[in-house]
Amino acid sequence: MARLKSELRVQAWLRRAGGLGLMAAVVRKGEPESGTVILKINRHAAGCEVYSPATDPNGASAWLRAFPKGPASEVEADAYLQRQTKYDPDLWVLEIEDPKGLFVLEEPILKA
């Protein structure tokens, strides 16, 4: 099965966030064709959620939480993302400002 280019997936998430009235920005631009895209959802007072793409046991798309115990502070989330970009120079980071909790991922979130 053909995989959607990273740049197109990011554009779709930007449009989706904008359609919900949310601010979203590409914090780090990665490799346009196949770079991994990490989502940082900033819920402000409720903390930040960071998600990495994964595959479930059946081969379907899913997400993994960077902080499985719950939202992290923005400082912790940014430090995590900084470490990840050192491991993967092709990485994309998309941040969505969502203080009201409107943005929901379509794919399931796997348990750690």
N, C-alpha and C. Protein backbone atom coordinates (compact mmCIF):
# COMPACT_ATOMS: atom_id res chain seq x y z
N MET A 1 0.85 -1.18 0.00
CA MET A 1 0.00 0.00 0.00
C MET A 1 0.89 1.24 0.00
N ALA A 2 0.53 2.22 -0.83
CA ALA A 2 1.30 3.46 -0.91
C ALA A 2 1.06 4.30 0.34
N ARG A 3 2.13 4.90 0.80
CA ARG A 3 2.05 5.73 2.01
C ARG A 3 1.97 7.19 1.60
N LEU A 4 1.12 7.94 2.26
CA LEU A 4 0.95 9.36 1.99
C LEU A 4 2.22 10.11 2.39
N LYS A 5 2.65 11.02 1.55
CA LYS A 5 3.85 11.79 1.84
C LYS A 5 3.68 12.59 3.13
N SER A 6 4.77 12.72 3.87
CA SER A 6 4.75 13.43 5.15
C SER A 6 4.25 14.86 5.00
N GLU A 7 4.74 15.54 3.99
CA GLU A 7 4.35 16.93 3.79
C GLU A 7 2.84 17.07 3.57
N LEU A 8 2.24 16.12 2.85
CA LEU A 8 0.79 16.16 2.63
C LEU A 8 0.02 15.86 3.91
N ARG A 9 0.52 14.93 4.72
CA ARG A 9 -0.14 14.64 6.00
C ARG A 9 -0.12 15.86 6.90
N VAL A 10 1.01 16.55 6.95
CA VAL A 10 1.13 17.77 7.77
C VAL A 10 0.15 18.83 7.28
N GLN A 11 0.07 19.02 5.98
CA GLN A 11 -0.87 20.01 5.43
C GLN A 11 -2.30 19.67 5.80
N ALA A 12 -2.65 18.38 5.76
CA ALA A 12 -4.00 17.95 6.13
C ALA A 12 -4.29 18.26 7.60
N TRP A 13 -3.33 18.00 8.50
CA TRP A 13 -3.53 18.29 9.92
C TRP A 13 -3.64 19.80 10.16
N LEU A 14 -2.86 20.58 9.43
CA LEU A 14 -2.95 22.04 9.56
C LEU A 14 -4.35 22.52 9.17
N ARG A 15 -4.87 21.99 8.06
CA ARG A 15 -6.22 22.36 7.63
C ARG A 15 -7.28 21.91 8.63
N ARG A 16 -7.10 20.69 9.13
CA ARG A 16 -8.07 20.16 10.10
C ARG A 16 -8.10 21.02 11.37
N ALA A 17 -6.92 21.37 11.87
CA ALA A 17 -6.84 22.23 13.06
C ALA A 17 -7.46 23.59 12.77
N GLY A 18 -7.14 24.16 11.62
CA GLY A 18 -7.70 25.45 11.24
C GLY A 18 -9.21 25.40 11.13
N GLY A 19 -9.75 24.28 10.64
CA GLY A 19 -11.18 24.11 10.54
C GLY A 19 -11.87 24.08 11.89
N LEU A 20 -11.12 23.71 12.92
CA LEU A 20 -11.65 23.71 14.29
C LEU A 20 -11.41 25.05 14.99
N GLY A 21 -10.80 25.99 14.25
CA GLY A 21 -10.50 27.30 14.83
C GLY A 21 -9.26 27.29 15.70
N LEU A 22 -8.39 26.30 15.51
CA LEU A 22 -7.18 26.17 16.33
C LEU A 22 -5.96 26.67 15.59
N MET A 23 -5.02 27.19 16.33
CA MET A 23 -3.73 27.59 15.76
C MET A 23 -2.85 26.33 15.67
N ALA A 24 -2.17 26.19 14.57
CA ALA A 24 -1.25 25.07 14.38
C ALA A 24 -0.06 25.56 13.58
N ALA A 25 1.10 25.00 13.86
CA ALA A 25 2.31 25.43 13.17
C ALA A 25 3.28 24.27 13.02
N VAL A 26 4.02 24.31 11.94
CA VAL A 26 5.11 23.36 11.75
C VAL A 26 6.29 23.93 12.53
N VAL A 27 6.65 23.27 13.62
CA VAL A 27 7.75 23.71 14.46
C VAL A 27 9.08 23.28 13.87
N ARG A 28 9.05 22.13 13.20
CA ARG A 28 10.26 21.60 12.56
C ARG A 28 9.84 20.90 11.28
N LYS A 29 10.43 21.32 10.19
CA LYS A 29 10.13 20.72 8.89
C LYS A 29 11.13 19.60 8.63
N GLY A 30 10.61 18.43 8.35
CA GLY A 30 11.44 17.27 8.10
C GLY A 30 11.50 16.89 6.62
N GLU A 31 11.87 15.69 6.37
CA GLU A 31 11.98 15.17 5.01
C GLU A 31 10.58 15.10 4.40
N PRO A 32 10.34 15.75 3.24
CA PRO A 32 9.00 15.87 2.69
C PRO A 32 8.32 14.56 2.30
N GLU A 33 9.09 13.60 1.87
CA GLU A 33 8.51 12.35 1.38
C GLU A 33 8.19 11.37 2.50
N SER A 34 9.16 11.12 3.38
CA SER A 34 9.01 10.01 4.33
C SER A 34 9.41 10.32 5.76
N GLY A 35 9.55 11.58 6.09
CA GLY A 35 9.93 11.93 7.47
C GLY A 35 8.81 11.61 8.45
N THR A 36 9.17 11.14 9.61
CA THR A 36 8.20 10.85 10.66
C THR A 36 7.61 12.17 11.17
N VAL A 37 6.31 12.16 11.45
CA VAL A 37 5.63 13.35 11.95
C VAL A 37 5.20 13.11 13.40
N ILE A 38 5.70 13.95 14.31
CA ILE A 38 5.30 13.90 15.71
C ILE A 38 4.36 15.06 15.96
N LEU A 39 3.27 14.78 16.66
CA LEU A 39 2.29 15.82 17.01
C LEU A 39 2.45 16.25 18.45
N LYS A 40 2.52 17.55 18.66
CA LYS A 40 2.49 18.11 20.02
C LYS A 40 1.20 18.89 20.12
N ILE A 41 0.34 18.44 21.02
CA ILE A 41 -0.93 19.12 21.23
C ILE A 41 -0.84 19.86 22.55
N ASN A 42 -0.81 21.17 22.46
CA ASN A 42 -0.65 22.02 23.63
C ASN A 42 -2.02 22.39 24.16
N ARG A 43 -2.37 21.81 25.33
CA ARG A 43 -3.67 22.07 25.94
C ARG A 43 -3.56 23.19 26.99
N HIS A 44 -2.44 23.91 26.96
CA HIS A 44 -2.15 25.04 27.85
C HIS A 44 -2.18 24.62 29.31
N ALA A 45 -3.14 25.05 30.10
CA ALA A 45 -3.16 24.74 31.54
C ALA A 45 -3.23 23.24 31.81
N ALA A 46 -3.79 22.47 30.87
CA ALA A 46 -3.91 21.03 31.04
C ALA A 46 -2.64 20.28 30.61
N GLY A 47 -1.63 21.00 30.11
CA GLY A 47 -0.37 20.38 29.71
C GLY A 47 -0.31 20.04 28.23
N CYS A 48 0.76 19.39 27.86
CA CYS A 48 1.01 19.03 26.46
C CYS A 48 0.97 17.52 26.28
N GLU A 49 0.38 17.10 25.18
CA GLU A 49 0.39 15.70 24.78
C GLU A 49 1.27 15.59 23.55
N VAL A 50 2.11 14.58 23.51
CA VAL A 50 3.00 14.37 22.38
C VAL A 50 2.76 12.96 21.86
N TYR A 51 2.54 12.86 20.55
CA TYR A 51 2.22 11.57 19.93
C TYR A 51 3.18 11.26 18.79
N SER A 52 3.61 9.99 18.76
CA SER A 52 4.45 9.48 17.67
C SER A 52 3.65 8.43 16.91
N PRO A 53 3.84 8.35 15.60
CA PRO A 53 3.11 7.35 14.83
C PRO A 53 3.57 5.94 15.19
N ALA A 54 2.64 5.00 15.12
CA ALA A 54 2.93 3.60 15.41
C ALA A 54 2.03 2.73 14.53
N THR A 55 2.22 1.45 14.64
CA THR A 55 1.39 0.48 13.93
C THR A 55 0.85 -0.49 14.96
N ASP A 56 -0.46 -0.76 14.90
CA ASP A 56 -1.05 -1.69 15.86
C ASP A 56 -0.71 -3.13 15.44
N PRO A 57 -1.03 -4.12 16.27
CA PRO A 57 -0.68 -5.51 15.97
C PRO A 57 -1.27 -6.03 14.65
N ASN A 58 -2.33 -5.39 14.16
CA ASN A 58 -2.95 -5.81 12.90
C ASN A 58 -2.39 -5.06 11.69
N GLY A 59 -1.41 -4.18 11.93
CA GLY A 59 -0.80 -3.43 10.83
C GLY A 59 -1.47 -2.10 10.51
N ALA A 60 -2.46 -1.71 11.30
CA ALA A 60 -3.16 -0.44 11.07
C ALA A 60 -2.41 0.72 11.75
N SER A 61 -2.63 1.92 11.25
CA SER A 61 -2.00 3.11 11.82
C SER A 61 -2.55 3.38 13.21
N ALA A 62 -1.68 3.83 14.09
CA ALA A 62 -2.03 4.15 15.47
C ALA A 62 -1.06 5.20 15.97
N TRP A 63 -1.18 5.55 17.25
CA TRP A 63 -0.29 6.53 17.89
C TRP A 63 0.21 5.98 19.21
N LEU A 64 1.39 6.46 19.59
CA LEU A 64 1.95 6.18 20.92
C LEU A 64 2.12 7.51 21.64
N ARG A 65 1.78 7.51 22.92
CA ARG A 65 1.98 8.71 23.74
C ARG A 65 3.44 8.78 24.20
N ALA A 66 4.04 9.94 24.08
CA ALA A 66 5.39 10.13 24.59
C ALA A 66 5.39 10.12 26.11
N PHE A 67 4.27 10.55 26.70
CA PHE A 67 4.13 10.63 28.16
C PHE A 67 2.89 9.81 28.55
N PRO A 68 3.06 8.50 28.71
CA PRO A 68 1.90 7.63 28.96
C PRO A 68 1.16 7.90 30.26
N LYS A 69 1.80 8.53 31.23
CA LYS A 69 1.14 8.78 32.52
C LYS A 69 0.24 10.01 32.48
N GLY A 70 0.29 10.76 31.41
CA GLY A 70 -0.55 11.95 31.30
C GLY A 70 0.20 13.11 30.67
N PRO A 71 -0.48 14.23 30.47
CA PRO A 71 0.15 15.38 29.84
C PRO A 71 1.41 15.84 30.59
N ALA A 72 2.32 16.41 29.82
CA ALA A 72 3.57 16.93 30.37
C ALA A 72 3.54 18.46 30.31
N SER A 73 4.47 19.07 31.01
CA SER A 73 4.60 20.52 30.90
C SER A 73 5.17 20.85 29.52
N GLU A 74 5.03 22.08 29.12
CA GLU A 74 5.57 22.46 27.81
C GLU A 74 7.09 22.31 27.79
N VAL A 75 7.75 22.61 28.90
CA VAL A 75 9.20 22.45 28.97
C VAL A 75 9.59 20.98 28.77
N GLU A 76 8.89 20.07 29.43
CA GLU A 76 9.17 18.64 29.27
C GLU A 76 8.89 18.17 27.84
N ALA A 77 7.79 18.63 27.27
CA ALA A 77 7.44 18.24 25.90
C ALA A 77 8.48 18.75 24.91
N ASP A 78 8.90 19.99 25.06
CA ASP A 78 9.90 20.55 24.15
C ASP A 78 11.25 19.85 24.30
N ALA A 79 11.63 19.49 25.52
CA ALA A 79 12.88 18.76 25.74
C ALA A 79 12.82 17.39 25.07
N TYR A 80 11.69 16.72 25.19
CA TYR A 80 11.50 15.42 24.54
C TYR A 80 11.65 15.57 23.02
N LEU A 81 10.99 16.56 22.45
CA LEU A 81 11.05 16.77 21.00
C LEU A 81 12.47 17.12 20.55
N GLN A 82 13.17 17.89 21.34
CA GLN A 82 14.56 18.23 21.01
C GLN A 82 15.43 16.97 20.96
N ARG A 83 15.24 16.07 21.93
CA ARG A 83 15.99 14.80 21.93
C ARG A 83 15.65 13.97 20.69
N GLN A 84 14.38 13.93 20.33
CA GLN A 84 13.96 13.13 19.18
C GLN A 84 14.56 13.65 17.88
N THR A 85 14.67 14.96 17.75
CA THR A 85 15.24 15.52 16.52
C THR A 85 16.73 15.23 16.40
N LYS A 86 17.39 14.98 17.52
CA LYS A 86 18.81 14.58 17.47
C LYS A 86 18.94 13.16 16.93
N TYR A 87 17.95 12.30 17.25
CA TYR A 87 17.97 10.92 16.77
C TYR A 87 17.55 10.80 15.32
N ASP A 88 16.64 11.67 14.91
CA ASP A 88 16.06 11.58 13.57
C ASP A 88 16.06 12.95 12.90
N PRO A 89 17.05 13.24 12.08
CA PRO A 89 17.13 14.56 11.45
C PRO A 89 16.03 14.81 10.41
N ASP A 90 15.30 13.76 10.00
CA ASP A 90 14.23 13.90 9.01
C ASP A 90 12.86 14.15 9.66
N LEU A 91 12.83 14.28 10.96
CA LEU A 91 11.61 14.38 11.75
C LEU A 91 10.86 15.69 11.53
N TRP A 92 9.54 15.60 11.45
CA TRP A 92 8.65 16.76 11.45
C TRP A 92 8.07 16.92 12.85
N VAL A 93 7.84 18.15 13.28
CA VAL A 93 7.13 18.41 14.53
C VAL A 93 6.02 19.41 14.22
N LEU A 94 4.80 18.98 14.50
CA LEU A 94 3.63 19.83 14.29
C LEU A 94 3.02 20.14 15.65
N GLU A 95 2.85 21.43 15.96
CA GLU A 95 2.25 21.81 17.23
C GLU A 95 0.87 22.40 17.00
N ILE A 96 -0.09 21.91 17.78
CA ILE A 96 -1.47 22.38 17.71
C ILE A 96 -1.82 23.00 19.06
N GLU A 97 -2.25 24.26 19.04
CA GLU A 97 -2.68 24.96 20.26
C GLU A 97 -4.16 24.64 20.48
N ASP A 98 -4.46 23.88 21.52
CA ASP A 98 -5.83 23.41 21.71
C ASP A 98 -6.23 23.46 23.18
N PRO A 99 -6.45 24.66 23.73
CA PRO A 99 -6.78 24.76 25.16
C PRO A 99 -8.15 24.19 25.52
N LYS A 100 -9.05 24.04 24.55
CA LYS A 100 -10.39 23.53 24.84
C LYS A 100 -10.55 22.03 24.59
N GLY A 101 -9.49 21.37 24.12
CA GLY A 101 -9.57 19.93 23.88
C GLY A 101 -10.43 19.54 22.68
N LEU A 102 -10.43 20.34 21.65
CA LEU A 102 -11.24 20.07 20.46
C LEU A 102 -10.60 19.07 19.50
N PHE A 103 -9.27 19.05 19.45
CA PHE A 103 -8.58 18.20 18.47
C PHE A 103 -8.47 16.77 19.01
N VAL A 104 -8.99 15.84 18.25
CA VAL A 104 -8.95 14.43 18.62
C VAL A 104 -8.31 13.65 17.49
N LEU A 105 -7.41 12.74 17.82
CA LEU A 105 -6.78 11.91 16.80
C LEU A 105 -7.78 10.89 16.26
N GLU A 106 -7.71 10.65 14.96
CA GLU A 106 -8.62 9.71 14.33
C GLU A 106 -8.20 8.26 14.56
N GLU A 107 -6.91 8.00 14.58
CA GLU A 107 -6.42 6.64 14.78
C GLU A 107 -6.35 6.35 16.28
N PRO A 108 -6.37 5.06 16.64
CA PRO A 108 -6.32 4.72 18.06
C PRO A 108 -4.96 5.05 18.70
N ILE A 109 -4.99 5.23 20.01
CA ILE A 109 -3.77 5.46 20.78
C ILE A 109 -3.45 4.16 21.50
N LEU A 110 -2.27 3.62 21.22
CA LEU A 110 -1.87 2.34 21.81
C LEU A 110 -1.46 2.52 23.26
N LYS A 111 -1.69 1.49 24.04
CA LYS A 111 -1.22 1.46 25.44
C LYS A 111 0.26 1.13 25.44
N ALA A 112 1.00 1.77 26.32
CA ALA A 112 2.45 1.54 26.40
C ALA A 112 2.74 0.21 27.08
